Amino acid sequence: MRPATLTINLNHLRHNYALLETKAKDAQIMAVVKANAYGHGLVPVSKVLYQQGCRSFAVTDAEEGSQLRLHLPKDAAIILFSGVFDAADAKLCSEFQLTPTITTQDQLNLLTEQLFTGFVWLKVDTGMHRLGALEAQTLHAAIQAHPRIELAGIMSHLACADTPEHPLNAQQIKSFQSLKEQLPAPLYSLFNSAGLIALSEQIDTQIMRPGIALYGIEPIAGQTLGLKAVAQLSSQVMQVRDIQQGESVSYAASWVAPHNMRIAVVALGYADGLPRLLSNQGEAGVNGHLLPIVGRVCMDYCMLAIEEHQVSIGDKVVFFGAGDNQPKANQVAAKCQTIAYELLTGLGSRLQRQYIGEKS
């Protein structure tokens, strides 16, 4: 079996959830498990969080929501951040007791046509200018007047929460406070992981929506909460070979050996989710040492410069994880000029996914 593996430490997930619960104080937690729980596995992650006491789960759409409903008890609310796109989505909401967010009258109409009975969230735009009701008061009134649909709450999203001092945060919080005063709702929600950690004391909201922090990624640079990385990406050395000075490695001959040396060929490539941008600049942990990636990352393989280190066929190679002398996901993402969100959600489906800390 191909050794490329994503190891998911569910005990680390439990640790992170407990930390975030403490930070949230009296507020509830809505766990963001969209995009296959950021690549970690929608069902196993959600089942652990339910065992920990979480009762609200946010996914992207009705397909994800209906899949998750098969594995969670009925008292778990499953919220669809994108709402419904068509009549088929609206029908799934009825069949699987899903809770869509509403940003337009068209979405409300789709639910009405499918005889949906249940709760919806009203999503408003307070300044991010991505997705949100443009006429919040009108849509709020339409939901309140609907005979079969109830308002679960009102939510918005901060554009710059990971930069707490950014002035747009204060503007959006002020706008959301104004909405709270105008539009009654059972619950209000504004803060993602970064907002929960750095901004949640600036306004009273009843439900927090951590995503990336659940998976052990510190959302604010320089402000460590004590989270533990849940995922470890690893594989094994397939071959160790000698390279002579002046010989090149991998496609386009982009790396040339400066002297006689050894390299290790590792069974992990960009089809597994290892970014090609790590070519000639990434590194991986082997036997307690960080070794550089040399040459272009290939679809199925990459190469490491061994130098004087003892490396053998079958040795484990860690590309990111929680251990000492292992790259961290944030560090890997930074080398690729991106964010850990993209790195994690881009992990390939052909990776073996192994779960540590499962409980019956």
Protein backbone atom coordinates (compact mmCIF):
# COMPACT_ATOMS: atom_id res chain seq x y z
CA MET A 1 0.00 0.00 0.00
CA ARG A 2 1.27 3.46 -0.89
CA PRO A 3 2.63 4.97 2.36
CA ALA A 4 1.45 8.57 1.84
CA THR A 5 -0.58 9.16 5.01
CA LEU A 6 -2.57 11.84 6.77
CA THR A 7 -2.67 11.00 10.48
CA ILE A 8 -5.48 12.69 12.43
CA ASN A 9 -4.98 12.98 16.18
CA LEU A 10 -8.47 13.15 17.67
CA ASN A 11 -7.07 13.75 21.15
CA HIS A 12 -5.56 16.97 19.84
CA LEU A 13 -8.98 17.87 18.44
CA ARG A 14 -10.51 17.33 21.89
CA HIS A 15 -7.80 19.50 23.45
CA ASN A 16 -8.44 22.33 20.98
CA TYR A 17 -12.21 22.21 21.43
CA ALA A 18 -11.83 22.42 25.21
CA LEU A 19 -9.52 25.43 24.90
CA LEU A 20 -11.94 27.22 22.59
CA GLU A 21 -14.88 26.44 24.87
CA THR A 22 -13.01 28.07 27.74
CA LYS A 23 -12.24 31.10 25.58
CA ALA A 24 -15.89 31.35 24.49
CA LYS A 25 -17.03 31.55 28.15
CA ASP A 26 -20.84 31.50 28.18
CA ALA A 27 -21.23 31.46 24.38
CA GLN A 28 -22.04 28.31 22.44
CA ILE A 29 -19.69 26.79 19.86
CA MET A 30 -20.70 26.21 16.24
CA ALA A 31 -17.95 23.94 14.90
CA VAL A 32 -17.02 24.74 11.31
CA VAL A 33 -16.55 21.38 9.59
CA LYS A 34 -17.08 22.44 5.99
CA ALA A 35 -14.78 21.23 3.19
CA ASN A 36 -14.50 17.77 4.74
CA ALA A 37 -13.58 19.30 8.09
CA TYR A 38 -10.76 21.26 6.43
CA GLY A 39 -9.44 18.01 4.96
CA HIS A 40 -9.50 16.11 8.27
CA GLY A 41 -12.64 14.03 7.63
CA LEU A 42 -16.17 15.39 8.06
CA VAL A 43 -17.73 12.42 9.84
CA PRO A 44 -14.99 11.35 12.31
CA VAL A 45 -14.25 14.96 13.31
CA SER A 46 -17.92 15.82 13.81
CA LYS A 47 -18.63 12.66 15.82
CA VAL A 48 -15.78 13.48 18.22
CA LEU A 49 -16.97 17.08 18.62
CA TYR A 50 -20.51 15.85 19.31
CA GLN A 51 -19.11 13.56 22.02
CA GLN A 52 -17.40 16.63 23.48
CA GLY A 53 -20.74 18.42 23.76
CA CYS A 54 -20.91 20.40 20.53
CA ARG A 55 -24.44 20.63 19.11
CA SER A 56 -24.00 23.01 16.15
CA PHE A 57 -22.04 22.13 13.01
CA ALA A 58 -21.45 24.35 9.99
CA VAL A 59 -20.93 22.94 6.50
CA THR A 60 -20.96 24.55 3.07
CA ASP A 61 -24.03 23.15 1.36
CA ALA A 62 -26.89 20.68 1.47
CA GLU A 63 -24.82 17.81 0.03
CA GLU A 64 -22.35 18.04 2.92
CA GLY A 65 -25.18 18.58 5.36
CA SER A 66 -27.19 15.55 4.27
CA GLN A 67 -24.07 13.37 4.47
CA LEU A 68 -23.35 14.55 7.99
CA ARG A 69 -26.95 14.12 9.17
CA LEU A 70 -26.62 10.36 8.66
CA HIS A 71 -24.00 10.25 11.40
CA LEU A 72 -25.24 12.75 14.00
CA PRO A 73 -28.26 12.59 16.31
CA LYS A 74 -31.29 14.74 15.60
CA ASP A 75 -30.45 17.27 18.31
CA ALA A 76 -27.39 18.39 16.32
CA ALA A 77 -28.05 21.49 14.24
CA ILE A 78 -26.38 21.37 10.82
CA ILE A 79 -26.03 24.85 9.35
CA LEU A 80 -25.42 25.47 5.64
CA PHE A 81 -23.20 28.52 5.23
CA SER A 82 -24.02 28.85 1.52
CA GLY A 83 -27.72 28.24 2.02
CA VAL A 84 -29.53 26.61 -0.89
CA PHE A 85 -28.70 26.86 -4.58
CA ASP A 86 -31.73 25.15 -6.13
CA ALA A 87 -34.88 23.16 -5.47
CA ALA A 88 -32.89 19.96 -4.91
CA ASP A 89 -30.98 21.64 -2.08
CA ALA A 90 -34.19 22.91 -0.54
CA LYS A 91 -35.64 19.41 -0.68
CA LEU A 92 -32.56 18.02 1.10
CA CYS A 93 -33.06 20.61 3.83
CA SER A 94 -36.56 19.27 4.41
CA GLU A 95 -35.56 15.60 4.26
CA PHE A 96 -32.51 15.87 6.53
CA GLN A 97 -33.57 18.63 8.93
CA LEU A 98 -30.84 21.03 7.82
CA THR A 99 -30.59 24.68 8.78
CA PRO A 100 -29.71 26.88 5.81
CA THR A 101 -28.46 30.43 5.97
CA ILE A 102 -30.55 32.89 3.99
CA THR A 103 -29.11 35.85 2.10
CA THR A 104 -31.77 36.43 -0.57
CA GLN A 105 -35.53 36.26 -1.00
CA ASP A 106 -34.93 33.70 -3.78
CA GLN A 107 -33.48 31.27 -1.25
CA LEU A 108 -36.47 31.74 1.00
CA ASN A 109 -38.76 31.12 -1.98
CA LEU A 110 -36.97 27.86 -2.82
CA LEU A 111 -37.51 26.61 0.72
CA THR A 112 -41.16 27.67 0.65
CA GLU A 113 -41.77 25.83 -2.63
CA GLN A 114 -40.36 22.62 -1.12
CA LEU A 115 -42.60 23.00 1.96
CA PHE A 116 -39.56 23.38 4.23
CA THR A 117 -40.39 23.54 7.92
CA GLY A 118 -37.62 24.41 10.33
CA PHE A 119 -34.98 26.97 11.24
CA VAL A 120 -32.88 29.30 9.12
CA TRP A 121 -30.06 31.74 9.86
CA LEU A 122 -30.14 35.22 8.37
CA LYS A 123 -26.69 36.15 7.07
CA VAL A 124 -25.97 39.87 6.74
CA ASP A 125 -23.11 41.82 5.21
CA THR A 126 -21.47 44.21 7.67
CA GLY A 127 -18.56 45.22 5.46
CA MET A 128 -16.81 42.17 4.04
CA HIS A 129 -18.85 42.53 0.84
CA ARG A 130 -18.85 38.83 0.04
CA LEU A 131 -22.11 37.10 0.94
CA GLY A 132 -24.91 38.56 2.97
CA ALA A 133 -28.40 40.03 2.75
CA LEU A 134 -28.40 43.38 0.99
CA GLU A 135 -31.77 44.32 2.51
CA ALA A 136 -31.52 42.69 5.91
CA GLN A 137 -34.59 44.30 7.43
CA THR A 138 -36.84 43.23 4.53
CA LEU A 139 -35.57 39.64 4.57
CA HIS A 140 -35.76 39.52 8.37
CA ALA A 141 -39.42 40.59 8.19
CA ALA A 142 -40.15 37.96 5.53
CA ILE A 143 -38.67 35.21 7.67
CA GLN A 144 -40.50 36.41 10.79
CA ALA A 145 -43.80 36.43 8.90
CA HIS A 146 -43.36 32.97 7.39
CA PRO A 147 -45.85 30.43 8.82
CA ARG A 148 -43.50 27.40 8.78
CA ILE A 149 -39.99 28.86 9.07
CA GLU A 150 -38.35 30.12 12.24
CA LEU A 151 -35.34 32.36 12.65
CA ALA A 152 -32.47 30.57 14.43
CA GLY A 153 -30.25 33.63 14.51
CA ILE A 154 -28.43 36.37 12.66
CA MET A 155 -24.80 36.05 11.61
CA SER A 156 -22.13 38.03 9.82
CA HIS A 157 -18.42 37.55 9.14
CA LEU A 158 -15.34 39.66 9.81
CA ALA A 159 -12.95 40.29 6.92
CA CYS A 160 -9.86 41.09 9.01
CA ALA A 161 -10.24 39.20 12.28
CA ASP A 162 -6.74 37.72 11.99
CA THR A 163 -5.41 41.29 12.12
CA PRO A 164 -7.20 42.47 15.28
CA GLU A 165 -5.99 46.07 15.06
CA HIS A 166 -7.39 46.56 11.54
CA PRO A 167 -9.95 49.41 11.58
CA LEU A 168 -12.47 47.42 9.53
CA ASN A 169 -13.03 45.14 12.55
CA ALA A 170 -14.32 48.04 14.63
CA GLN A 171 -16.54 49.20 11.77
CA GLN A 172 -18.05 45.75 11.29
CA ILE A 173 -18.61 45.24 15.02
CA LYS A 174 -20.37 48.60 15.18
CA SER A 175 -22.57 47.67 12.20
CA PHE A 176 -23.44 44.33 13.76
CA GLN A 177 -24.32 46.00 17.06
CA SER A 178 -26.68 48.29 15.18
CA LEU A 179 -28.32 45.28 13.52
CA LYS A 180 -28.74 43.61 16.90
CA GLU A 181 -30.62 46.65 18.14
CA GLN A 182 -32.89 46.73 15.09
CA LEU A 183 -33.49 43.05 14.30
CA PRO A 184 -34.56 40.69 17.11
CA ALA A 185 -33.24 37.13 16.99
CA PRO A 186 -32.69 34.24 19.42
CA LEU A 187 -28.94 34.12 18.67
CA TYR A 188 -26.28 36.38 17.17
CA SER A 189 -22.97 35.18 15.73
CA LEU A 190 -20.05 37.18 14.38
CA PHE A 191 -16.73 35.61 15.35
CA ASN A 192 -14.63 32.98 13.64
CA SER A 193 -11.46 31.49 15.21
CA ALA A 194 -9.45 34.70 15.18
CA GLY A 195 -12.41 36.83 16.25
CA LEU A 196 -13.18 34.49 19.14
CA ILE A 197 -9.60 34.75 20.40
CA ALA A 198 -8.97 38.46 19.93
CA LEU A 199 -12.23 40.40 19.54
CA SER A 200 -15.11 38.55 21.20
CA GLU A 201 -15.20 40.77 24.29
CA GLN A 202 -16.06 43.82 22.17
CA ILE A 203 -19.65 42.73 21.56
CA ASP A 204 -22.02 40.24 23.17
CA THR A 205 -22.81 37.31 20.88
CA GLN A 206 -24.27 33.96 21.85
CA ILE A 207 -22.50 31.62 19.45
CA MET A 208 -18.90 31.44 18.18
CA ARG A 209 -17.83 29.78 14.93
CA PRO A 210 -14.28 28.43 15.21
CA GLY A 211 -12.90 26.61 12.20
CA ILE A 212 -9.14 26.60 11.65
CA ALA A 213 -8.39 26.74 15.39
CA LEU A 214 -10.21 23.46 15.94
CA TYR A 215 -7.59 21.81 13.77
CA GLY A 216 -4.69 23.23 15.73
CA ILE A 217 -3.68 26.18 13.57
CA GLU A 218 -3.03 29.37 15.56
CA PRO A 219 -5.18 31.93 13.71
CA ILE A 220 -3.32 35.06 14.81
CA ALA A 221 0.41 35.40 14.25
CA GLY A 222 2.24 36.02 17.49
CA GLN A 223 -0.77 35.28 19.70
CA THR A 224 -0.47 31.64 20.76
CA LEU A 225 -3.43 30.00 22.45
CA GLY A 226 -1.81 26.60 22.98
CA LEU A 227 -3.54 24.70 20.20
CA LYS A 228 -2.22 21.34 19.00
CA ALA A 229 -1.98 20.43 15.31
CA VAL A 230 -4.50 17.70 14.54
CA ALA A 231 -3.06 16.57 11.19
CA GLN A 232 0.32 15.10 10.30
CA LEU A 233 1.25 14.61 6.65
CA SER A 234 3.85 11.91 6.13
CA SER A 235 5.20 9.25 3.82
CA GLN A 236 8.27 7.02 3.48
CA VAL A 237 11.61 6.95 1.71
CA MET A 238 11.36 4.76 -1.41
CA GLN A 239 14.94 4.94 -2.59
CA VAL A 240 18.30 6.38 -1.56
CA ARG A 241 20.68 7.24 -4.38
CA ASP A 242 24.04 8.88 -5.06
CA ILE A 243 24.20 12.07 -7.08
CA GLN A 244 27.44 13.40 -8.53
CA GLN A 245 28.47 17.05 -8.50
CA GLY A 246 26.86 18.84 -11.45
CA GLU A 247 24.04 16.34 -11.93
CA SER A 248 20.46 17.64 -11.85
CA VAL A 249 17.39 16.31 -10.04
CA SER A 250 13.77 16.14 -11.22
CA TYR A 251 11.88 18.03 -13.93
CA ALA A 252 13.38 21.02 -15.71
CA ALA A 253 16.77 20.31 -14.08
CA SER A 254 16.01 23.16 -11.68
CA TRP A 255 18.40 21.88 -8.99
CA VAL A 256 22.00 20.85 -9.58
CA ALA A 257 24.11 19.04 -6.98
CA PRO A 258 26.85 21.37 -5.65
CA HIS A 259 28.99 18.35 -4.73
CA ASN A 260 28.79 14.57 -4.59
CA MET A 261 25.91 13.68 -2.28
CA ARG A 262 22.94 11.41 -1.59
CA ILE A 263 19.26 12.09 -2.09
CA ALA A 264 16.14 10.29 -0.88
CA VAL A 265 13.13 9.74 -3.11
CA VAL A 266 9.89 10.02 -1.10
CA ALA A 267 6.41 8.76 -2.06
CA LEU A 268 4.53 12.05 -1.79
CA GLY A 269 3.73 14.61 -4.47
CA TYR A 270 1.37 17.34 -5.52
CA ALA A 271 -1.43 14.86 -6.30
CA ASP A 272 -1.40 14.12 -2.58
CA GLY A 273 -1.59 17.83 -1.70
CA LEU A 274 2.12 18.61 -1.31
CA PRO A 275 2.39 22.05 -2.95
CA ARG A 276 4.60 22.21 -6.01
CA LEU A 277 5.73 25.62 -4.75
CA LEU A 278 7.84 23.74 -2.17
CA SER A 279 10.18 22.75 -5.00
CA ASN A 280 13.73 23.73 -4.01
CA GLN A 281 12.58 25.54 -0.88
CA GLY A 282 10.55 23.19 1.31
CA GLU A 283 11.79 20.76 3.93
CA ALA A 284 10.67 17.65 5.74
CA GLY A 285 11.46 15.93 9.02
CA VAL A 286 13.41 12.65 8.91
CA ASN A 287 14.84 10.95 11.99
CA GLY A 288 14.82 14.18 13.99
CA HIS A 289 16.39 16.33 11.26
CA LEU A 290 14.91 18.82 8.80
CA LEU A 291 16.09 17.98 5.28
CA PRO A 292 15.58 20.22 2.22
CA ILE A 293 13.38 19.35 -0.73
CA VAL A 294 15.52 19.48 -3.88
CA GLY A 295 14.29 19.59 -7.44
CA ARG A 296 10.70 19.97 -8.60
CA VAL A 297 7.97 18.31 -6.57
CA CYS A 298 6.42 15.70 -8.88
CA MET A 299 2.88 14.36 -9.04
CA ASP A 300 3.75 11.30 -6.95
CA TYR A 301 7.21 11.95 -5.52
CA CYS A 302 9.62 14.48 -4.12
CA MET A 303 13.33 14.33 -3.34
CA LEU A 304 15.30 15.30 -0.22
CA ALA A 305 19.00 16.11 0.11
CA ILE A 306 20.42 13.79 2.76
CA GLU A 307 24.01 15.05 3.11
CA GLU A 308 25.65 13.40 6.16
CA HIS A 309 22.42 12.17 7.79
CA GLN A 310 21.60 8.49 8.09
CA VAL A 311 18.49 7.84 6.00
CA SER A 312 17.27 4.45 4.80
CA ILE A 313 14.51 3.02 2.64
CA GLY A 314 11.30 2.88 4.68
CA ASP A 315 12.18 5.77 6.99
CA LYS A 316 9.23 8.00 7.89
CA VAL A 317 9.20 11.49 6.38
CA VAL A 318 6.99 14.18 7.96
CA PHE A 319 6.03 17.20 5.85
CA PHE A 320 4.01 18.92 8.57
CA GLY A 321 2.78 17.97 12.01
CA ALA A 322 2.88 18.80 15.71
CA GLY A 323 6.19 17.23 16.73
CA ASP A 324 9.61 18.74 17.32
CA ASN A 325 11.78 19.09 14.21
CA GLN A 326 8.72 18.84 12.02
CA PRO A 327 7.50 21.69 9.80
CA LYS A 328 4.24 23.30 10.95
CA ALA A 329 1.35 23.79 8.55
CA ASN A 330 1.48 27.57 8.90
CA GLN A 331 5.20 27.54 8.06
CA VAL A 332 4.69 25.33 5.03
CA ALA A 333 1.84 27.53 3.80
CA ALA A 334 3.92 30.69 4.25
CA LYS A 335 6.68 29.26 2.04
CA CYS A 336 4.03 28.78 -0.64
CA GLN A 337 2.71 32.33 -0.13
CA THR A 338 -0.65 31.01 0.99
CA ILE A 339 -2.49 30.08 4.19
CA ALA A 340 -2.93 26.87 6.16
CA TYR A 341 -6.61 26.76 5.11
CA GLU A 342 -5.62 26.17 1.48
CA LEU A 343 -2.91 23.68 2.42
CA LEU A 344 -5.25 21.55 4.55
CA THR A 345 -8.27 21.63 2.24
CA GLY A 346 -6.04 20.73 -0.70
CA LEU A 347 -4.93 17.41 0.78
CA GLY A 348 -5.59 14.67 -1.75
CA SER A 349 -8.29 12.00 -1.46
CA ARG A 350 -5.79 9.23 -2.20
CA LEU A 351 -3.94 9.82 1.07
CA GLN A 352 -4.46 7.10 3.66
CA ARG A 353 -6.27 8.73 6.56
CA GLN A 354 -5.46 7.21 9.92
CA TYR A 355 -7.23 8.28 13.12
CA ILE A 356 -5.58 8.26 16.54
CA GLY A 357 -7.69 8.45 19.71
CA GLU A 358 -10.97 7.08 18.43
CA LYS A 359 -13.45 6.11 21.15
CA SER A 360 -16.57 3.98 20.85
